[in-house]
C-alpha atoms as a PDB file:
ATOM      1  CA  UNK A   1      61.666  27.703  11.826  1.00  0.00           C
ATOM      2  CA  UNK A   2      64.119  29.307  13.972  1.00  0.00           C
ATOM      3  CA  UNK A   3      64.850  29.264  17.812  1.00  0.00           C
ATOM      4  CA  UNK A   4      66.895  32.356  18.224  1.00  0.00           C
ATOM      5  CA  UNK A   5      63.219  33.832  19.095  1.00  0.00           C
ATOM      6  CA  UNK A   6      63.580  32.503  22.575  1.00  0.00           C
ATOM      7  CA  UNK A   7      67.055  33.658  22.908  1.00  0.00           C
ATOM      8  CA  UNK A   8      67.016  36.541  25.557  1.00  0.00           C
ATOM      9  CA  UNK A   9      68.449  40.096  23.740  1.00  0.00           C
ATOM     10  CA  UNK A  10      71.518  41.639  25.813  1.00  0.00           C
ATOM     11  CA  UNK A  11      70.938  44.766  26.560  1.00  0.00           C
ATOM     12  CA  UNK A  12      67.310  44.626  26.253  1.00  0.00           C
ATOM     13  CA  UNK A  13      65.591  44.026  30.016  1.00  0.00           C
ATOM     14  CA  UNK A  14      66.047  45.169  32.957  1.00  0.00           C
ATOM     15  CA  UNK A  15      69.354  43.058  33.793  1.00  0.00           C
ATOM     16  CA  UNK A  16      70.890  45.881  32.003  1.00  0.00           C
ATOM     17  CA  UNK A  17      71.301  48.097  35.759  1.00  0.00           C
ATOM     18  CA  UNK A  18      72.601  46.841  39.052  1.00  0.00           C
ATOM     19  CA  UNK A  19      70.416  45.413  41.446  1.00  0.00           C
ATOM     20  CA  UNK A  20      70.921  48.393  43.786  1.00  0.00           C
ATOM     21  CA  UNK A  21      70.023  51.076  41.589  1.00  0.00           C
ATOM     22  CA  UNK A  22      66.926  49.749  40.705  1.00  0.00           C
ATOM     23  CA  UNK A  23      65.977  48.993  44.179  1.00  0.00           C
ATOM     24  CA  UNK A  24      67.452  47.799  47.567  1.00  0.00           C
ATOM     25  CA  UNK A  25      69.199  44.279  48.168  1.00  0.00           C
ATOM     26  CA  UNK A  26      66.754  42.290  50.424  1.00  0.00           C
ATOM     27  CA  UNK A  27      67.784  40.610  53.540  1.00  0.00           C
ATOM     28  CA  UNK A  28      69.070  37.187  51.664  1.00  0.00           C
ATOM     29  CA  UNK A  29      70.431  38.403  48.889  1.00  0.00           C
ATOM     30  CA  UNK A  30      72.735  41.051  51.040  1.00  0.00           C
ATOM     31  CA  UNK A  31      73.615  38.136  52.982  1.00  0.00           C
ATOM     32  CA  UNK A  32      74.390  35.955  50.096  1.00  0.00           C
ATOM     33  CA  UNK A  33      76.548  38.659  48.253  1.00  0.00           C
ATOM     34  CA  UNK A  34      78.397  39.448  51.430  1.00  0.00           C
ATOM     35  CA  UNK A  35      79.696  35.882  52.271  1.00  0.00           C
ATOM     36  CA  UNK A  36      81.204  36.229  48.664  1.00  0.00           C
ATOM     37  CA  UNK A  37      82.700  39.851  49.116  1.00  0.00           C
ATOM     38  CA  UNK A  38      83.976  38.619  52.472  1.00  0.00           C
ATOM     39  CA  UNK A  39      85.519  35.477  51.032  1.00  0.00           C
ATOM     40  CA  UNK A  40      86.681  37.960  48.057  1.00  0.00           C
ATOM     41  CA  UNK A  41      88.285  40.443  50.629  1.00  0.00           C
ATOM     42  CA  UNK A  42      91.587  37.989  51.287  1.00  0.00           C
ATOM     43  CA  UNK A  43      94.161  38.320  48.987  1.00  0.00           C
ATOM     44  CA  UNK A  44      95.124  34.978  49.155  1.00  0.00           C
ATOM     45  CA  UNK A  45      91.542  34.188  48.028  1.00  0.00           C
ATOM     46  CA  UNK A  46      91.241  37.020  45.442  1.00  0.00           C
ATOM     47  CA  UNK A  47      94.492  35.612  43.510  1.00  0.00           C
ATOM     48  CA  UNK A  48      93.299  31.817  43.963  1.00  0.00           C
ATOM     49  CA  UNK A  49      89.828  32.768  42.270  1.00  0.00           C
ATOM     50  CA  UNK A  50      91.716  34.681  39.420  1.00  0.00           C
ATOM     51  CA  UNK A  51      94.474  31.358  39.251  1.00  0.00           C
ATOM     52  CA  UNK A  52      91.260  28.980  38.624  1.00  0.00           C
ATOM     53  CA  UNK A  53      89.055  31.101  36.316  1.00  0.00           C
ATOM     54  CA  UNK A  54      92.731  31.959  34.129  1.00  0.00           C
ATOM     55  CA  UNK A  55      93.382  28.106  34.305  1.00  0.00           C
ATOM     56  CA  UNK A  56      93.631  26.391  31.071  1.00  0.00           C
ATOM     57  CA  UNK A  57      90.609  24.544  30.330  1.00  0.00           C
ATOM     58  CA  UNK A  58      88.673  26.465  33.212  1.00  0.00           C
ATOM     59  CA  UNK A  59      89.538  24.047  36.182  1.00  0.00           C
ATOM     60  CA  UNK A  60      92.815  23.812  38.334  1.00  0.00           C
ATOM     61  CA  UNK A  61      94.138  20.753  40.572  1.00  0.00           C
ATOM     62  CA  UNK A  62      94.770  22.186  43.829  1.00  0.00           C
ATOM     63  CA  UNK A  63      98.283  20.233  42.779  1.00  0.00           C
ATOM     64  CA  UNK A  64      98.748  23.613  40.236  1.00  0.00           C
ATOM     65  CA  UNK A  65      97.404  26.195  43.098  1.00  0.00           C
ATOM     66  CA  UNK A  66     100.041  25.634  45.361  1.00  0.00           C
ATOM     67  CA  UNK A  67     103.219  26.901  44.061  1.00  0.00           C
ATOM     68  CA  UNK A  68     102.528  30.272  43.350  1.00  0.00           C
ATOM     69  CA  UNK A  69     101.942  31.308  46.771  1.00  0.00           C
ATOM     70  CA  UNK A  70     104.374  31.397  50.205  1.00  0.00           C
ATOM     71  CA  UNK A  71     102.122  29.630  52.338  1.00  0.00           C
ATOM     72  CA  UNK A  72     101.495  25.929  53.115  1.00  0.00           C
ATOM     73  CA  UNK A  73      99.097  23.726  51.227  1.00  0.00           C
ATOM     74  CA  UNK A  74      97.107  22.894  54.234  1.00  0.00           C
ATOM     75  CA  UNK A  75      96.522  26.735  54.028  1.00  0.00           C
ATOM     76  CA  UNK A  76      95.824  27.071  50.582  1.00  0.00           C
ATOM     77  CA  UNK A  77      93.197  24.269  51.240  1.00  0.00           C
ATOM     78  CA  UNK A  78      91.576  26.438  53.541  1.00  0.00           C
ATOM     79  CA  UNK A  79      91.546  28.954  51.488  1.00  0.00           C
ATOM     80  CA  UNK A  80      89.549  27.192  48.865  1.00  0.00           C
ATOM     81  CA  UNK A  81      87.202  25.549  51.327  1.00  0.00           C
ATOM     82  CA  UNK A  82      86.129  29.098  51.844  1.00  0.00           C
ATOM     83  CA  UNK A  83      85.546  29.882  48.554  1.00  0.00           C
ATOM     84  CA  UNK A  84      83.576  27.159  47.611  1.00  0.00           C
ATOM     85  CA  UNK A  85      81.422  27.933  51.063  1.00  0.00           C
ATOM     86  CA  UNK A  86      81.119  31.479  49.803  1.00  0.00           C
ATOM     87  CA  UNK A  87      79.536  29.775  46.740  1.00  0.00           C
ATOM     88  CA  UNK A  88      82.480  31.152  44.339  1.00  0.00           C
ATOM     89  CA  UNK A  89      83.969  27.950  43.436  1.00  0.00           C
ATOM     90  CA  UNK A  90      82.767  24.346  42.534  1.00  0.00           C
ATOM     91  CA  UNK A  91      84.613  20.944  43.080  1.00  0.00           C
ATOM     92  CA  UNK A  92      85.283  17.928  42.763  1.00  0.00           C
ATOM     93  CA  UNK A  93      87.538  14.703  43.819  1.00  0.00           C
ATOM     94  CA  UNK A  94      89.837  12.900  41.191  1.00  0.00           C
ATOM     95  CA  UNK A  95      92.013  10.227  42.725  1.00  0.00           C
ATOM     96  CA  UNK A  96      93.556  11.856  45.140  1.00  0.00           C
ATOM     97  CA  UNK A  97      93.637  15.440  44.101  1.00  0.00           C
ATOM     98  CA  UNK A  98      90.771  17.833  43.948  1.00  0.00           C
ATOM     99  CA  UNK A  99      89.918  20.196  41.167  1.00  0.00           C
ATOM    100  CA  UNK A 100      88.602  23.607  41.176  1.00  0.00           C
ATOM    101  CA  UNK A 101      86.364  25.660  39.097  1.00  0.00           C
ATOM    102  CA  UNK A 102      84.602  29.130  39.394  1.00  0.00           C
ATOM    103  CA  UNK A 103      81.074  29.180  39.721  1.00  0.00           C
ATOM    104  CA  UNK A 104      79.978  31.481  36.594  1.00  0.00           C
ATOM    105  CA  UNK A 105      76.096  32.308  38.347  1.00  0.00           C
ATOM    106  CA  UNK A 106      78.562  33.695  41.142  1.00  0.00           C
ATOM    107  CA  UNK A 107      80.475  35.765  39.139  1.00  0.00           C
ATOM    108  CA  UNK A 108      77.491  36.770  37.089  1.00  0.00           C
ATOM    109  CA  UNK A 109      75.654  37.467  40.422  1.00  0.00           C
ATOM    110  CA  UNK A 110      78.676  39.491  41.702  1.00  0.00           C
ATOM    111  CA  UNK A 111      79.259  41.591  38.675  1.00  0.00           C
ATOM    112  CA  UNK A 112      75.574  42.504  38.007  1.00  0.00           C
ATOM    113  CA  UNK A 113      75.878  43.901  41.794  1.00  0.00           C
ATOM    114  CA  UNK A 114      78.946  46.310  40.455  1.00  0.00           C
ATOM    115  CA  UNK A 115      77.900  47.395  37.333  1.00  0.00           C
ATOM    116  CA  UNK A 116      76.469  50.255  37.965  1.00  0.00           C
ATOM    117  CA  UNK A 117      75.290  53.421  35.346  1.00  0.00           C
ATOM    118  CA  UNK A 118      77.664  56.404  35.382  1.00  0.00           C
ATOM    119  CA  UNK A 119      76.129  59.580  37.622  1.00  0.00           C
ATOM    120  CA  UNK A 120      74.373  61.902  35.410  1.00  0.00           C
ATOM    121  CA  UNK A 121      77.016  65.246  35.133  1.00  0.00           C
ATOM    122  CA  UNK A 122      76.048  67.817  37.252  1.00  0.00           C
ATOM    123  CA  UNK A 123      76.342  71.143  35.522  1.00  0.00           C
ATOM    124  CA  UNK A 124      78.784  73.700  36.631  1.00  0.00           C
ATOM    125  CA  UNK A 125      77.764  77.057  37.699  1.00  0.00           C
END
């Protein structure tokens, strides 16, 4: 017996449309998403998230994240803390270094909110 019947089929449920298109955001969802967007509004944090996400193996040591920026290591650590507190990255200390990875669920929430269907075409007069 196949277990494939238990798997969801993408594109066939209401997850295809952004939440704001289906209904207004609730207070809790809006607060959580705004923390994420606020964290990403800084160019250094946006680049850090991109560097972590694109790093080989899907995780990056803080030692790999300092070089591309013209700021100090404590500043990078501050920005990583903001990303972590916003729920965008996870981290783990291994010896003297901390490793970071992007949390897929957070990206899925942001993506779902931003994906909106194309507006209907208006007929020209």
